[in-house]
Amino acid sequence: FHRKLQVEVAYHSAFMNPLQQPLIDALAGIEPRLPAVDMYSTVTGAAVTELSYDGAYWARNIRQSVQFMRALGSSISDGHRLFLELGAHPALTGSIREYIARNRVDADVVPTLVRETDDRKMLYKSLASLYAAGCQLDWVAINGEPASMVSLPAYAWQREKYWEETENALEARVGGSRTGLPGRRLDMHE
């Protein structure tokens, strides 16, 4: 797929050539590590299996075409079926959904934030989607320490009814009548 973007900088094009060497120089001191979870590069389109996130890698990232669909295809081929988009707005969620629909893959896509929505509600919705998809969530990290239990009275409840309603309201709520007789009692005007 391709899409025109309204941006001020022409990333992933020849306009980035003059920035490549300064970026390599600026990132000379970084020490890349292997990721702790599976990670797929949009520079190579494949799983990250070696220490490659140095200055030269990021210079390639700003210059060459994005291999998003190749990376997505590689991750799906490796068995991944849940995708979480971290960002201020789900820019890629639609493309991921389009790809999995076109390829008839049973997968879930969860955005984290959406413009013009309440951030807290959206993040809780994302957590709910992750939980429904089978993720084990750290509830203490999400909600804080659990509250202490409240003791309930040890005596039996009095079983008194405090529900006031008319016969018609009762019939509408539970159906039938209290007499146990078949049929429905009707007012004369009905």
N, C-alpha and C. Protein backbone atom coordinates (compact mmCIF):
# COMPACT_ATOMS: atom_id res chain seq x y z
N PHE A 1 0.85 -1.17 0.00
CA PHE A 1 0.00 0.00 0.00
C PHE A 1 0.89 1.23 0.00
N HIS A 2 0.34 2.32 -0.36
CA HIS A 2 1.04 3.60 -0.23
C HIS A 2 0.01 4.67 0.08
N ARG A 3 0.48 5.71 0.71
CA ARG A 3 -0.42 6.78 1.10
C ARG A 3 0.38 8.07 1.14
N LYS A 4 -0.19 9.14 0.62
CA LYS A 4 0.44 10.45 0.72
C LYS A 4 0.26 10.97 2.14
N LEU A 5 1.31 11.52 2.69
CA LEU A 5 1.27 12.07 4.04
C LEU A 5 1.53 13.56 4.01
N GLN A 6 0.86 14.28 4.87
CA GLN A 6 1.10 15.72 5.01
C GLN A 6 2.21 15.90 6.05
N VAL A 7 3.44 16.00 5.58
CA VAL A 7 4.59 16.14 6.47
C VAL A 7 5.48 17.28 5.98
N GLU A 8 6.31 17.77 6.89
CA GLU A 8 7.23 18.86 6.54
C GLU A 8 8.58 18.35 6.09
N VAL A 9 8.87 17.09 6.34
CA VAL A 9 10.17 16.51 6.00
C VAL A 9 9.94 15.28 5.13
N ALA A 10 10.69 15.17 4.07
CA ALA A 10 10.53 14.04 3.13
C ALA A 10 11.41 12.87 3.56
N TYR A 11 11.02 12.24 4.68
CA TYR A 11 11.75 11.05 5.14
C TYR A 11 11.68 9.96 4.08
N HIS A 12 12.62 9.04 4.14
CA HIS A 12 12.66 7.87 3.26
C HIS A 12 12.79 8.28 1.79
N SER A 13 13.55 9.32 1.55
CA SER A 13 13.77 9.78 0.18
C SER A 13 15.19 10.34 0.07
N ALA A 14 15.59 10.70 -1.14
CA ALA A 14 16.93 11.24 -1.38
C ALA A 14 17.16 12.55 -0.63
N PHE A 15 16.09 13.22 -0.20
CA PHE A 15 16.25 14.45 0.58
C PHE A 15 16.93 14.19 1.93
N MET A 16 16.99 12.96 2.34
CA MET A 16 17.63 12.60 3.62
C MET A 16 19.12 12.32 3.48
N ASN A 17 19.63 12.22 2.24
CA ASN A 17 21.05 11.91 2.04
C ASN A 17 21.99 12.81 2.83
N PRO A 18 21.80 14.14 2.83
CA PRO A 18 22.72 14.99 3.58
C PRO A 18 22.68 14.77 5.10
N LEU A 19 21.61 14.17 5.62
CA LEU A 19 21.48 13.96 7.06
C LEU A 19 22.05 12.63 7.53
N GLN A 20 22.35 11.74 6.60
CA GLN A 20 22.77 10.41 7.00
C GLN A 20 24.07 10.42 7.81
N GLN A 21 25.13 11.04 7.29
CA GLN A 21 26.41 11.02 8.01
C GLN A 21 26.34 11.77 9.34
N PRO A 22 25.71 12.95 9.41
CA PRO A 22 25.56 13.59 10.72
C PRO A 22 24.80 12.72 11.73
N LEU A 23 23.82 11.96 11.26
CA LEU A 23 23.09 11.07 12.17
C LEU A 23 24.00 9.93 12.64
N ILE A 24 24.77 9.37 11.74
CA ILE A 24 25.71 8.31 12.12
C ILE A 24 26.69 8.83 13.16
N ASP A 25 27.22 10.03 12.95
CA ASP A 25 28.17 10.63 13.90
C ASP A 25 27.50 10.89 15.25
N ALA A 26 26.28 11.40 15.23
CA ALA A 26 25.59 11.73 16.47
C ALA A 26 25.26 10.48 17.30
N LEU A 27 25.06 9.36 16.63
CA LEU A 27 24.69 8.12 17.32
C LEU A 27 25.87 7.17 17.52
N ALA A 28 27.08 7.67 17.32
CA ALA A 28 28.27 6.82 17.40
C ALA A 28 28.43 6.16 18.77
N GLY A 29 27.97 6.80 19.83
CA GLY A 29 28.16 6.26 21.17
C GLY A 29 27.11 5.27 21.64
N ILE A 30 26.08 5.03 20.85
CA ILE A 30 25.04 4.11 21.33
C ILE A 30 25.52 2.67 21.22
N GLU A 31 25.06 1.86 22.16
CA GLU A 31 25.41 0.44 22.18
C GLU A 31 24.14 -0.38 22.04
N PRO A 32 23.84 -0.84 20.83
CA PRO A 32 22.60 -1.60 20.64
C PRO A 32 22.64 -2.93 21.38
N ARG A 33 21.46 -3.41 21.73
CA ARG A 33 21.30 -4.71 22.38
C ARG A 33 20.23 -5.49 21.62
N LEU A 34 20.25 -6.78 21.79
CA LEU A 34 19.18 -7.58 21.20
C LEU A 34 17.89 -7.31 21.96
N PRO A 35 16.78 -7.27 21.27
CA PRO A 35 15.51 -7.00 21.96
C PRO A 35 15.12 -8.17 22.87
N ALA A 36 14.40 -7.84 23.94
CA ALA A 36 13.92 -8.86 24.88
C ALA A 36 12.68 -9.58 24.35
N VAL A 37 11.96 -8.97 23.43
CA VAL A 37 10.79 -9.57 22.78
C VAL A 37 11.03 -9.57 21.28
N ASP A 38 10.26 -10.37 20.56
CA ASP A 38 10.41 -10.40 19.11
C ASP A 38 10.20 -9.01 18.54
N MET A 39 11.10 -8.61 17.66
CA MET A 39 11.03 -7.28 17.05
C MET A 39 11.33 -7.43 15.56
N TYR A 40 10.57 -6.71 14.76
CA TYR A 40 10.72 -6.79 13.31
C TYR A 40 11.08 -5.42 12.78
N SER A 41 12.08 -5.38 11.93
CA SER A 41 12.61 -4.12 11.41
C SER A 41 11.89 -3.71 10.14
N THR A 42 11.52 -2.43 10.07
CA THR A 42 10.94 -1.90 8.82
C THR A 42 12.04 -1.43 7.87
N VAL A 43 13.29 -1.61 8.28
CA VAL A 43 14.42 -1.35 7.38
C VAL A 43 14.74 -2.61 6.59
N THR A 44 14.75 -3.76 7.28
CA THR A 44 15.07 -5.02 6.61
C THR A 44 13.83 -5.82 6.24
N GLY A 45 12.72 -5.58 6.94
CA GLY A 45 11.51 -6.36 6.70
C GLY A 45 11.54 -7.72 7.36
N ALA A 46 12.52 -7.94 8.25
CA ALA A 46 12.68 -9.25 8.89
C ALA A 46 12.83 -9.10 10.40
N ALA A 47 12.83 -10.25 11.08
CA ALA A 47 13.03 -10.26 12.53
C ALA A 47 14.43 -9.77 12.86
N VAL A 48 14.56 -9.07 13.97
CA VAL A 48 15.86 -8.60 14.43
C VAL A 48 16.52 -9.76 15.16
N THR A 49 17.65 -10.21 14.61
CA THR A 49 18.36 -11.34 15.21
C THR A 49 19.80 -11.01 15.54
N GLU A 50 20.22 -9.81 15.23
CA GLU A 50 21.60 -9.41 15.53
C GLU A 50 21.63 -7.96 15.98
N LEU A 51 22.73 -7.54 16.55
CA LEU A 51 22.88 -6.17 17.03
C LEU A 51 23.02 -5.24 15.83
N SER A 52 21.93 -4.61 15.45
CA SER A 52 21.97 -3.81 14.22
C SER A 52 21.48 -2.37 14.41
N TYR A 53 21.08 -2.00 15.61
CA TYR A 53 20.50 -0.68 15.80
C TYR A 53 21.55 0.37 16.14
N ASP A 54 22.55 0.48 15.29
CA ASP A 54 23.59 1.48 15.47
C ASP A 54 23.28 2.70 14.59
N GLY A 55 24.18 3.65 14.54
CA GLY A 55 23.96 4.86 13.74
C GLY A 55 23.72 4.57 12.27
N ALA A 56 24.46 3.61 11.71
CA ALA A 56 24.29 3.27 10.29
C ALA A 56 22.89 2.72 10.03
N TYR A 57 22.36 1.93 10.97
CA TYR A 57 21.00 1.40 10.82
C TYR A 57 19.99 2.55 10.75
N TRP A 58 20.10 3.50 11.69
CA TRP A 58 19.14 4.60 11.73
C TRP A 58 19.30 5.53 10.54
N ALA A 59 20.51 5.63 9.99
CA ALA A 59 20.72 6.41 8.77
C ALA A 59 20.00 5.74 7.60
N ARG A 60 20.08 4.41 7.54
CA ARG A 60 19.33 3.67 6.52
C ARG A 60 17.83 3.86 6.74
N ASN A 61 17.40 3.89 7.99
CA ASN A 61 15.99 4.03 8.32
C ASN A 61 15.40 5.33 7.78
N ILE A 62 16.11 6.43 7.92
CA ILE A 62 15.56 7.72 7.45
C ILE A 62 15.64 7.86 5.93
N ARG A 63 16.49 7.05 5.28
CA ARG A 63 16.72 7.21 3.84
C ARG A 63 15.91 6.25 2.97
N GLN A 64 15.92 4.98 3.28
CA GLN A 64 15.32 4.02 2.36
C GLN A 64 13.82 3.86 2.59
N SER A 65 13.18 3.20 1.64
CA SER A 65 11.74 2.95 1.73
C SER A 65 11.42 2.09 2.94
N VAL A 66 10.25 2.33 3.51
CA VAL A 66 9.81 1.58 4.67
C VAL A 66 9.32 0.20 4.23
N GLN A 67 9.80 -0.83 4.87
CA GLN A 67 9.44 -2.22 4.56
C GLN A 67 8.39 -2.71 5.57
N PHE A 68 7.37 -1.91 5.78
CA PHE A 68 6.37 -2.22 6.80
C PHE A 68 5.63 -3.51 6.50
N MET A 69 5.13 -3.66 5.29
CA MET A 69 4.36 -4.86 4.95
C MET A 69 5.23 -6.11 4.99
N ARG A 70 6.48 -6.00 4.58
CA ARG A 70 7.39 -7.16 4.68
C ARG A 70 7.60 -7.53 6.14
N ALA A 71 7.81 -6.52 7.00
CA ALA A 71 8.00 -6.80 8.43
C ALA A 71 6.74 -7.41 9.04
N LEU A 72 5.58 -6.88 8.67
CA LEU A 72 4.32 -7.41 9.16
C LEU A 72 4.12 -8.85 8.69
N GLY A 73 4.39 -9.10 7.41
CA GLY A 73 4.28 -10.45 6.87
C GLY A 73 5.22 -11.42 7.55
N SER A 74 6.43 -10.98 7.85
CA SER A 74 7.41 -11.83 8.55
C SER A 74 6.91 -12.17 9.94
N SER A 75 6.36 -11.19 10.64
CA SER A 75 5.89 -11.45 12.00
C SER A 75 4.69 -12.40 11.99
N ILE A 76 3.80 -12.25 11.02
CA ILE A 76 2.66 -13.16 10.90
C ILE A 76 3.14 -14.56 10.53
N SER A 77 4.10 -14.66 9.63
CA SER A 77 4.66 -15.97 9.27
C SER A 77 5.28 -16.66 10.47
N ASP A 78 5.82 -15.87 11.40
CA ASP A 78 6.42 -16.43 12.61
C ASP A 78 5.38 -16.73 13.70
N GLY A 79 4.10 -16.50 13.39
CA GLY A 79 3.04 -16.89 14.31
C GLY A 79 2.45 -15.79 15.18
N HIS A 80 2.86 -14.56 14.99
CA HIS A 80 2.31 -13.47 15.81
C HIS A 80 0.92 -13.11 15.32
N ARG A 81 -0.01 -12.95 16.30
CA ARG A 81 -1.41 -12.67 15.95
C ARG A 81 -2.00 -11.51 16.74
N LEU A 82 -1.20 -10.83 17.52
CA LEU A 82 -1.68 -9.68 18.28
C LEU A 82 -0.72 -8.52 18.06
N PHE A 83 -1.26 -7.39 17.63
CA PHE A 83 -0.44 -6.22 17.32
C PHE A 83 -0.95 -5.03 18.11
N LEU A 84 -0.06 -4.39 18.83
CA LEU A 84 -0.37 -3.22 19.64
C LEU A 84 0.34 -2.02 19.03
N GLU A 85 -0.45 -1.03 18.60
CA GLU A 85 0.16 0.17 18.03
C GLU A 85 0.32 1.22 19.12
N LEU A 86 1.57 1.54 19.42
CA LEU A 86 1.88 2.57 20.41
C LEU A 86 2.06 3.88 19.68
N GLY A 87 1.24 4.86 20.01
CA GLY A 87 1.37 6.15 19.35
C GLY A 87 0.21 7.06 19.72
N ALA A 88 0.34 8.30 19.31
CA ALA A 88 -0.67 9.31 19.63
C ALA A 88 -1.95 9.15 18.83
N HIS A 89 -1.89 8.40 17.73
CA HIS A 89 -3.06 8.14 16.90
C HIS A 89 -2.76 6.88 16.09
N PRO A 90 -3.76 6.02 15.86
CA PRO A 90 -3.51 4.77 15.16
C PRO A 90 -3.27 4.97 13.66
N ALA A 91 -2.06 5.34 13.30
CA ALA A 91 -1.72 5.58 11.90
C ALA A 91 -1.58 4.27 11.11
N LEU A 92 -1.19 3.18 11.77
CA LEU A 92 -0.94 1.93 11.07
C LEU A 92 -2.00 0.85 11.31
N THR A 93 -2.86 1.06 12.29
CA THR A 93 -3.86 0.06 12.63
C THR A 93 -4.71 -0.32 11.42
N GLY A 94 -5.15 0.65 10.66
CA GLY A 94 -5.97 0.38 9.48
C GLY A 94 -5.23 -0.44 8.44
N SER A 95 -3.96 -0.14 8.23
CA SER A 95 -3.16 -0.89 7.27
C SER A 95 -2.93 -2.32 7.73
N ILE A 96 -2.72 -2.50 9.03
CA ILE A 96 -2.54 -3.85 9.57
C ILE A 96 -3.84 -4.64 9.39
N ARG A 97 -4.97 -4.03 9.71
CA ARG A 97 -6.26 -4.71 9.55
C ARG A 97 -6.53 -5.06 8.09
N GLU A 98 -6.17 -4.16 7.20
CA GLU A 98 -6.34 -4.41 5.77
C GLU A 98 -5.49 -5.61 5.34
N TYR A 99 -4.25 -5.66 5.81
CA TYR A 99 -3.34 -6.75 5.45
C TYR A 99 -3.87 -8.09 5.98
N ILE A 100 -4.29 -8.14 7.24
CA ILE A 100 -4.74 -9.41 7.80
C ILE A 100 -6.06 -9.86 7.16
N ALA A 101 -6.92 -8.90 6.79
CA ALA A 101 -8.17 -9.26 6.10
C ALA A 101 -7.87 -9.81 4.71
N ARG A 102 -6.98 -9.14 3.99
CA ARG A 102 -6.65 -9.56 2.63
C ARG A 102 -6.00 -10.94 2.62
N ASN A 103 -5.21 -11.23 3.66
CA ASN A 103 -4.51 -12.51 3.74
C ASN A 103 -5.25 -13.55 4.58
N ARG A 104 -6.47 -13.21 5.00
CA ARG A 104 -7.33 -14.12 5.77
C ARG A 104 -6.61 -14.68 7.00
N VAL A 105 -6.03 -13.77 7.77
CA VAL A 105 -5.32 -14.13 8.99
C VAL A 105 -6.20 -13.73 10.17
N ASP A 106 -6.34 -14.63 11.13
CA ASP A 106 -7.11 -14.33 12.34
C ASP A 106 -6.16 -13.66 13.33
N ALA A 107 -6.23 -12.33 13.41
CA ALA A 107 -5.32 -11.57 14.27
C ALA A 107 -6.07 -10.38 14.86
N ASP A 108 -5.53 -9.85 15.93
CA ASP A 108 -6.12 -8.68 16.58
C ASP A 108 -5.15 -7.51 16.48
N VAL A 109 -5.72 -6.31 16.33
CA VAL A 109 -4.94 -5.08 16.29
C VAL A 109 -5.52 -4.14 17.34
N VAL A 110 -4.66 -3.64 18.22
CA VAL A 110 -5.12 -2.79 19.32
C VAL A 110 -4.38 -1.47 19.27
N PRO A 111 -5.09 -0.36 19.07
CA PRO A 111 -4.44 0.96 19.17
C PRO A 111 -4.37 1.39 20.63
N THR A 112 -3.48 2.32 20.94
CA THR A 112 -3.39 2.79 22.33
C THR A 112 -4.07 4.14 22.52
N LEU A 113 -3.85 5.07 21.64
CA LEU A 113 -4.44 6.39 21.77
C LEU A 113 -5.10 6.79 20.46
N VAL A 114 -6.16 7.59 20.56
CA VAL A 114 -6.87 8.08 19.39
C VAL A 114 -7.13 9.56 19.60
N ARG A 115 -6.82 10.35 18.58
CA ARG A 115 -7.05 11.79 18.68
C ARG A 115 -8.48 12.10 19.08
N GLU A 116 -8.63 13.15 19.88
CA GLU A 116 -9.93 13.67 20.29
C GLU A 116 -10.76 12.65 21.07
N THR A 117 -10.09 11.74 21.78
CA THR A 117 -10.77 10.85 22.71
C THR A 117 -10.07 10.98 24.06
N ASP A 118 -10.75 10.60 25.12
CA ASP A 118 -10.17 10.66 26.45
C ASP A 118 -9.04 9.63 26.55
N ASP A 119 -7.82 10.09 26.81
CA ASP A 119 -6.65 9.20 26.83
C ASP A 119 -6.81 8.06 27.83
N ARG A 120 -7.26 8.38 29.03
CA ARG A 120 -7.39 7.35 30.08
C ARG A 120 -8.39 6.27 29.66
N LYS A 121 -9.55 6.70 29.15
CA LYS A 121 -10.56 5.74 28.72
C LYS A 121 -10.04 4.88 27.57
N MET A 122 -9.31 5.50 26.65
CA MET A 122 -8.78 4.76 25.51
C MET A 122 -7.74 3.74 25.95
N LEU A 123 -6.88 4.12 26.89
CA LEU A 123 -5.87 3.18 27.38
C LEU A 123 -6.53 2.02 28.13
N TYR A 124 -7.57 2.31 28.92
CA TYR A 124 -8.27 1.22 29.59
C TYR A 124 -8.97 0.31 28.57
N LYS A 125 -9.50 0.90 27.52
CA LYS A 125 -10.12 0.10 26.46
C LYS A 125 -9.06 -0.79 25.79
N SER A 126 -7.87 -0.24 25.59
CA SER A 126 -6.78 -1.02 25.01
C SER A 126 -6.40 -2.17 25.93
N LEU A 127 -6.31 -1.90 27.23
CA LEU A 127 -6.01 -2.96 28.20
C LEU A 127 -7.08 -4.04 28.17
N ALA A 128 -8.34 -3.64 28.07
CA ALA A 128 -9.44 -4.61 28.00
C ALA A 128 -9.31 -5.47 26.74
N SER A 129 -8.95 -4.85 25.63
CA SER A 129 -8.78 -5.59 24.38
C SER A 129 -7.62 -6.58 24.49
N LEU A 130 -6.52 -6.15 25.12
CA LEU A 130 -5.38 -7.04 25.31
C LEU A 130 -5.76 -8.21 26.21
N TYR A 131 -6.49 -7.93 27.28
CA TYR A 131 -6.93 -8.99 28.20
C TYR A 131 -7.85 -9.98 27.47
N ALA A 132 -8.79 -9.44 26.67
CA ALA A 132 -9.72 -10.30 25.93
C ALA A 132 -8.98 -11.15 24.90
N ALA A 133 -7.83 -10.66 24.42
CA ALA A 133 -7.03 -11.40 23.45
C ALA A 133 -6.13 -12.44 24.12
N GLY A 134 -6.16 -12.49 25.45
CA GLY A 134 -5.41 -13.52 26.16
C GLY A 134 -4.12 -13.07 26.82
N CYS A 135 -3.85 -11.78 26.82
CA CYS A 135 -2.63 -11.28 27.47
C CYS A 135 -2.75 -11.36 28.98
N GLN A 136 -1.65 -11.70 29.63
CA GLN A 136 -1.58 -11.67 31.09
C GLN A 136 -1.17 -10.26 31.48
N LEU A 137 -2.03 -9.54 32.17
CA LEU A 137 -1.75 -8.16 32.55
C LEU A 137 -1.32 -8.08 34.01
N ASP A 138 -0.47 -7.13 34.30
CA ASP A 138 -0.02 -6.89 35.67
C ASP A 138 -1.02 -5.95 36.32
N TRP A 139 -2.05 -6.52 36.96
CA TRP A 139 -3.14 -5.72 37.50
C TRP A 139 -2.68 -4.80 38.63
N VAL A 140 -1.68 -5.22 39.39
CA VAL A 140 -1.18 -4.36 40.46
C VAL A 140 -0.54 -3.11 39.86
N ALA A 141 0.19 -3.27 38.76
CA ALA A 141 0.80 -2.11 38.09
C ALA A 141 -0.28 -1.20 37.50
N ILE A 142 -1.38 -1.77 37.07
CA ILE A 142 -2.46 -0.99 36.46
C ILE A 142 -3.32 -0.31 37.51
N ASN A 143 -3.73 -1.05 38.54
CA ASN A 143 -4.69 -0.54 39.52
C ASN A 143 -4.08 -0.17 40.86
N GLY A 144 -2.84 -0.48 41.10
CA GLY A 144 -2.25 -0.26 42.42
C GLY A 144 -2.48 -1.49 43.29
N GLU A 145 -2.03 -1.40 44.52
CA GLU A 145 -2.19 -2.52 45.45
C GLU A 145 -3.67 -2.81 45.67
N PRO A 146 -4.00 -4.09 45.81
CA PRO A 146 -5.42 -4.41 46.06
C PRO A 146 -5.89 -3.85 47.39
N ALA A 147 -7.15 -3.48 47.45
CA ALA A 147 -7.73 -2.95 48.69
C ALA A 147 -7.98 -4.10 49.67
N SER A 148 -8.06 -3.77 50.94
CA SER A 148 -8.33 -4.79 51.94
C SER A 148 -9.79 -5.23 51.83
N MET A 149 -10.05 -6.46 52.22
CA MET A 149 -11.40 -7.01 52.16
C MET A 149 -12.23 -6.41 53.29
N VAL A 150 -13.50 -6.23 53.04
CA VAL A 150 -14.43 -5.71 54.03
C VAL A 150 -15.23 -6.88 54.58
N SER A 151 -15.28 -6.99 55.91
CA SER A 151 -16.05 -8.07 56.53
C SER A 151 -17.54 -7.76 56.43
N LEU A 152 -18.30 -8.77 56.06
CA LEU A 152 -19.75 -8.64 56.00
C LEU A 152 -20.34 -9.17 57.29
N PRO A 153 -21.54 -8.77 57.66
CA PRO A 153 -22.17 -9.27 58.88
C PRO A 153 -22.27 -10.79 58.84
N ALA A 154 -22.08 -11.43 59.99
CA ALA A 154 -22.11 -12.89 60.06
C ALA A 154 -23.52 -13.43 60.19
N TYR A 155 -24.53 -12.59 60.48
CA TYR A 155 -25.89 -13.06 60.66
C TYR A 155 -26.62 -13.18 59.32
N ALA A 156 -27.64 -13.99 59.32
CA ALA A 156 -28.44 -14.16 58.10
C ALA A 156 -29.22 -12.89 57.82
N TRP A 157 -29.38 -12.59 56.58
CA TRP A 157 -30.17 -11.42 56.21
C TRP A 157 -31.62 -11.64 56.61
N GLN A 158 -32.34 -10.57 56.86
CA GLN A 158 -33.71 -10.66 57.37
C GLN A 158 -34.73 -11.07 56.30
N ARG A 159 -34.35 -11.01 55.07
CA ARG A 159 -35.19 -11.41 53.94
C ARG A 159 -36.51 -10.64 53.88
N GLU A 160 -36.47 -9.38 54.20
CA GLU A 160 -37.66 -8.55 54.11
C GLU A 160 -37.67 -7.87 52.75
N LYS A 161 -38.84 -7.75 52.17
CA LYS A 161 -38.96 -7.10 50.86
C LYS A 161 -39.26 -5.63 51.06
N TYR A 162 -38.59 -4.83 50.30
CA TYR A 162 -38.82 -3.38 50.32
C TYR A 162 -39.22 -2.89 48.94
N TRP A 163 -39.77 -3.78 48.16
CA TRP A 163 -40.12 -3.48 46.78
C TRP A 163 -41.61 -3.18 46.73
N GLU A 164 -41.96 -2.00 46.36
CA GLU A 164 -43.37 -1.63 46.24
C GLU A 164 -43.72 -1.54 44.76
N GLU A 165 -44.74 -2.30 44.37
CA GLU A 165 -45.18 -2.23 42.98
C GLU A 165 -46.62 -2.71 42.88
N THR A 166 -47.26 -2.29 41.81
CA THR A 166 -48.64 -2.69 41.58
C THR A 166 -48.66 -4.09 40.99
N GLU A 167 -49.85 -4.71 41.00
CA GLU A 167 -50.00 -6.04 40.40
C GLU A 167 -49.60 -6.02 38.92
N ASN A 168 -50.02 -4.96 38.21
CA ASN A 168 -49.69 -4.85 36.78
C ASN A 168 -48.19 -4.73 36.57
N ALA A 169 -47.52 -3.97 37.44
CA ALA A 169 -46.07 -3.82 37.32
C ALA A 169 -45.36 -5.15 37.60
N LEU A 170 -45.87 -5.88 38.62
CA LEU A 170 -45.30 -7.20 38.93
C LEU A 170 -45.46 -8.14 37.76
N GLU A 171 -46.68 -8.15 37.18
CA GLU A 171 -46.94 -9.02 36.04
C GLU A 171 -46.05 -8.66 34.85
N ALA A 172 -45.86 -7.38 34.63
CA ALA A 172 -45.00 -6.95 33.52
C ALA A 172 -43.55 -7.35 33.77
N ARG A 173 -43.14 -7.34 35.04
CA ARG A 173 -41.74 -7.64 35.38
C ARG A 173 -41.46 -9.14 35.37
N VAL A 174 -42.32 -9.94 35.99
CA VAL A 174 -42.04 -11.37 36.13
C VAL A 174 -42.96 -12.25 35.31
N GLY A 175 -44.07 -11.71 34.82
CA GLY A 175 -45.01 -12.50 34.04
C GLY A 175 -45.94 -13.29 34.94
N GLY A 176 -47.15 -13.61 34.46
CA GLY A 176 -48.11 -14.39 35.24
C GLY A 176 -48.64 -13.62 36.42
N SER A 177 -49.35 -14.32 37.27
CA SER A 177 -49.91 -13.68 38.46
C SER A 177 -49.48 -14.46 39.69
N ARG A 178 -49.73 -13.89 40.88
CA ARG A 178 -49.35 -14.54 42.12
C ARG A 178 -50.27 -15.70 42.47
N THR A 179 -51.45 -15.79 41.86
CA THR A 179 -52.42 -16.81 42.23
C THR A 179 -52.05 -18.18 41.70
N GLY A 180 -51.24 -18.23 40.67
CA GLY A 180 -50.89 -19.51 40.08
C GLY A 180 -51.93 -20.00 39.10
N LEU A 181 -53.03 -19.27 38.93
CA LEU A 181 -54.05 -19.68 37.99
C LEU A 181 -53.61 -19.33 36.57
N PRO A 182 -53.96 -20.16 35.61
CA PRO A 182 -53.56 -19.84 34.24
C PRO A 182 -54.32 -18.65 33.70
N GLY A 183 -53.78 -18.04 32.72
CA GLY A 183 -54.44 -16.90 32.10
C GLY A 183 -53.95 -15.60 32.68
N ARG A 184 -54.48 -14.53 32.14
CA ARG A 184 -54.06 -13.20 32.56
C ARG A 184 -55.28 -12.42 33.00
N ARG A 185 -55.22 -11.83 34.18
CA ARG A 185 -56.33 -11.03 34.68
C ARG A 185 -56.31 -9.69 33.97
N LEU A 186 -57.44 -9.32 33.43
CA LEU A 186 -57.52 -8.06 32.68
C LEU A 186 -58.50 -7.13 33.40
N ASP A 187 -58.20 -5.84 33.38
CA ASP A 187 -59.18 -4.88 33.85
C ASP A 187 -60.32 -4.85 32.83
N MET A 188 -61.51 -4.50 33.30
CA MET A 188 -62.68 -4.52 32.43
C MET A 188 -62.53 -3.63 31.20
N HIS A 189 -61.89 -2.51 31.37
CA HIS A 189 -61.78 -1.63 30.22
C HIS A 189 -60.85 -2.17 29.14
N GLU A 190 -60.04 -3.17 29.46
CA GLU A 190 -59.17 -3.78 28.45
C GLU A 190 -59.92 -4.85 27.69
